[in-house]
Amino acid sequence: MRGWYENELGWPTVPGSPVRLFTGRIFDVLDVPAEAGRAALGLLAPGTPVAVRGDRMGLWIAAGGAEELPGILQWLEWGTLPLDLTATGEGGSVTAPLPPGTARRRTAQGAAMWLRPPVPGREALTSLPAMPTPGGDKGAPDLVRLVDTLATQGHRVRLRRACAQPLAFS
């Protein structure tokens, strides 16, 4: 598994087990409820890597995006609301999803799996959601729109869960 990430994709891994991928060098990762993430899949370029683990989804974004997240949320006026949206960037790491084609019967229950696996070669990384830049790549998804969609959908998920709780009266 480590070899696929290091040799096929050129992604640095953290020594040890389980295999973890360094963030902040080539990419950052947004971690959101899977239900909210599914609503944002249409905003991503087809080659954008996306992983799922249980009821969580990891969306790969351009390196540096994690640092921008608090400012984007504040600018979009989501800054004061509790959101189930986090980002892992420089100095962090995420558990590596199982490479495509890994036999599921050999995998641990609850292991992260690729919903949209990366394609060997770094071409896909140029299409990761990023902050818009004047004269920048018009083909790359806009990180601000992605974060706004994730915040909106995540808030809806949170409200639905809160409304589903039984009311207690004394």
Protein backbone atom coordinates (compact mmCIF):
# COMPACT_ATOMS: atom_id res chain seq x y z
CA MET A 1 0.00 0.00 0.00
CA ARG A 2 2.77 2.44 0.93
CA GLY A 3 4.50 1.69 -2.38
CA TRP A 4 1.43 2.66 -4.39
CA TYR A 5 1.31 6.09 -2.74
CA GLU A 6 5.04 6.77 -2.85
CA ASN A 7 5.97 5.17 -6.19
CA GLU A 8 2.82 5.46 -8.32
CA LEU A 9 1.50 8.79 -7.07
CA GLY A 10 4.66 10.41 -5.70
CA TRP A 11 2.91 11.23 -2.40
CA PRO A 12 5.05 11.25 0.75
CA THR A 13 3.93 8.97 3.56
CA VAL A 14 4.49 9.11 7.30
CA PRO A 15 6.72 6.28 8.59
CA GLY A 16 4.91 3.60 10.58
CA SER A 17 1.62 1.78 10.48
CA PRO A 18 -1.09 2.39 9.45
CA VAL A 19 -0.02 4.21 6.32
CA ARG A 20 -0.65 7.94 6.62
CA LEU A 21 -0.25 10.63 3.98
CA PHE A 22 1.45 13.95 4.73
CA THR A 23 -0.79 16.93 4.04
CA GLY A 24 0.26 20.46 3.20
CA ARG A 25 2.93 19.52 0.70
CA ILE A 26 0.98 18.37 -2.34
CA PHE A 27 -2.60 18.56 -1.08
CA ASP A 28 -4.77 19.30 1.95
CA VAL A 29 -7.91 17.38 2.94
CA LEU A 30 -11.35 18.62 3.99
CA ASP A 31 -13.17 16.25 6.36
CA VAL A 32 -16.97 16.49 6.30
CA PRO A 33 -20.05 14.35 6.98
CA ALA A 34 -20.48 12.05 3.98
CA GLU A 35 -24.01 13.34 3.43
CA ALA A 36 -22.73 16.90 3.05
CA GLY A 37 -19.82 15.76 0.89
CA ARG A 38 -22.10 13.94 -1.55
CA ALA A 39 -23.95 17.21 -2.18
CA ALA A 40 -20.66 18.86 -3.19
CA LEU A 41 -19.35 16.16 -5.54
CA GLY A 42 -20.79 17.95 -8.58
CA LEU A 43 -18.55 20.97 -7.87
CA LEU A 44 -15.39 18.88 -8.13
CA ALA A 45 -13.47 18.16 -11.31
CA PRO A 46 -13.78 14.50 -12.33
CA GLY A 47 -10.18 13.71 -11.29
CA THR A 48 -10.47 15.19 -7.79
CA PRO A 49 -9.67 12.49 -5.21
CA VAL A 50 -12.42 11.79 -2.66
CA ALA A 51 -12.36 9.13 0.08
CA VAL A 52 -15.02 7.80 2.46
CA ARG A 53 -14.67 6.23 5.87
CA GLY A 54 -17.89 5.32 7.63
CA ASP A 55 -20.08 8.40 7.70
CA ARG A 56 -17.18 10.78 6.89
CA MET A 57 -15.84 11.99 3.56
CA GLY A 58 -12.42 13.41 2.75
CA LEU A 59 -12.14 15.80 -0.20
CA TRP A 60 -8.65 16.51 -1.51
CA ILE A 61 -7.99 20.22 -2.07
CA ALA A 62 -4.96 22.23 -3.15
CA ALA A 63 -2.13 22.59 -0.63
CA GLY A 64 -2.67 25.72 1.44
CA GLY A 65 -6.46 25.40 1.38
CA ALA A 66 -6.61 24.27 5.01
CA GLU A 67 -5.05 27.56 6.11
CA GLU A 68 -7.68 29.46 4.14
CA LEU A 69 -10.66 27.61 5.65
CA PRO A 70 -11.24 29.79 8.76
CA GLY A 71 -11.06 32.99 6.69
CA ILE A 72 -13.38 31.62 4.02
CA LEU A 73 -15.94 30.53 6.63
CA GLN A 74 -15.74 33.96 8.29
CA TRP A 75 -16.11 35.77 4.95
CA LEU A 76 -19.11 33.59 4.05
CA GLU A 77 -20.60 34.39 7.49
CA TRP A 78 -20.41 30.78 8.69
CA GLY A 79 -17.74 31.64 11.26
CA THR A 80 -20.01 31.79 14.31
CA LEU A 81 -21.94 28.57 13.69
CA PRO A 82 -20.70 25.17 14.81
CA LEU A 83 -19.92 23.23 11.63
CA ASP A 84 -18.75 19.65 11.29
CA LEU A 85 -16.12 20.71 8.75
CA THR A 86 -12.39 20.46 9.38
CA ALA A 87 -9.28 20.69 7.24
CA THR A 88 -5.89 19.04 7.58
CA GLY A 89 -3.00 20.91 6.02
CA GLU A 90 0.66 21.72 6.58
CA GLY A 91 2.22 19.66 9.35
CA GLY A 92 -0.65 17.17 9.41
CA SER A 93 -1.47 13.78 7.99
CA VAL A 94 -4.48 11.65 7.11
CA THR A 95 -4.94 7.89 7.08
CA ALA A 96 -4.32 6.60 3.57
CA PRO A 97 -7.40 5.08 1.95
CA LEU A 98 -6.93 1.59 0.57
CA PRO A 99 -5.58 1.65 -3.00
CA PRO A 100 -8.12 0.90 -5.74
CA GLY A 101 -8.56 -2.82 -6.33
CA THR A 102 -7.64 -3.84 -2.78
CA ALA A 103 -9.69 -6.89 -1.89
CA ARG A 104 -12.40 -5.81 0.54
CA ARG A 105 -12.39 -9.13 2.35
CA ARG A 106 -8.77 -8.47 3.40
CA THR A 107 -9.46 -4.98 4.70
CA ALA A 108 -10.31 -3.90 8.19
CA GLN A 109 -13.88 -2.87 8.82
CA GLY A 110 -14.17 0.91 8.81
CA ALA A 111 -11.08 1.42 6.63
CA ALA A 112 -11.06 4.46 4.38
CA MET A 113 -11.86 3.65 0.75
CA TRP A 114 -11.53 5.75 -2.39
CA LEU A 115 -14.82 7.01 -3.81
CA ARG A 116 -12.84 8.82 -6.52
CA PRO A 117 -9.29 7.46 -6.50
CA PRO A 118 -6.34 9.55 -7.63
CA VAL A 119 -4.87 8.65 -10.98
CA PRO A 120 -1.14 7.93 -11.07
CA GLY A 121 0.64 11.06 -12.30
CA ARG A 122 0.19 14.50 -10.84
CA GLU A 123 -2.16 15.83 -13.52
CA ALA A 124 -5.20 15.49 -11.25
CA LEU A 125 -3.61 17.67 -8.59
CA THR A 126 -3.75 20.73 -10.83
CA SER A 127 -7.56 20.45 -10.79
CA LEU A 128 -7.90 20.41 -6.99
CA PRO A 129 -10.19 23.07 -5.53
CA ALA A 130 -8.12 26.17 -4.79
CA MET A 131 -8.49 29.84 -3.97
CA PRO A 132 -9.27 31.80 -7.13
CA THR A 133 -6.36 33.83 -8.44
CA PRO A 134 -6.46 36.58 -11.06
CA GLY A 135 -5.65 34.95 -14.38
CA GLY A 136 -5.44 31.56 -12.61
CA ASP A 137 -6.50 28.16 -13.90
CA LYS A 138 -10.10 28.49 -15.02
CA GLY A 139 -10.49 24.69 -14.96
CA ALA A 140 -9.78 24.30 -11.25
CA PRO A 141 -12.83 24.32 -8.95
CA ASP A 142 -13.19 27.31 -6.67
CA LEU A 143 -12.48 26.51 -3.01
CA VAL A 144 -14.85 29.25 -1.81
CA ARG A 145 -17.85 27.74 -3.63
CA LEU A 146 -16.93 24.27 -2.39
CA VAL A 147 -16.64 25.42 1.24
CA ASP A 148 -19.93 27.33 1.02
CA THR A 149 -21.71 24.23 -0.31
CA LEU A 150 -20.13 22.00 2.36
CA ALA A 151 -21.02 24.45 5.15
CA THR A 152 -24.61 24.77 3.90
CA GLN A 153 -25.09 21.02 3.53
CA GLY A 154 -23.31 20.26 6.80
CA HIS A 155 -25.54 22.73 8.62
CA ARG A 156 -28.63 21.08 7.09
CA VAL A 157 -27.39 17.67 8.23
CA ARG A 158 -26.84 19.04 11.75
CA LEU A 159 -30.33 20.60 11.86
CA ARG A 160 -31.97 17.38 10.62
CA ARG A 161 -30.17 15.39 13.30
CA ALA A 162 -31.17 17.90 15.97
CA CYS A 163 -34.82 17.84 14.84
CA ALA A 164 -34.82 14.04 14.87
CA GLN A 165 -33.98 13.98 18.59
CA PRO A 166 -37.00 13.18 20.75
CA LEU A 167 -38.25 16.12 22.78
CA ALA A 168 -38.19 15.71 26.53
CA PHE A 169 -40.71 17.54 28.63
CA SER A 170 -40.75 17.49 32.38
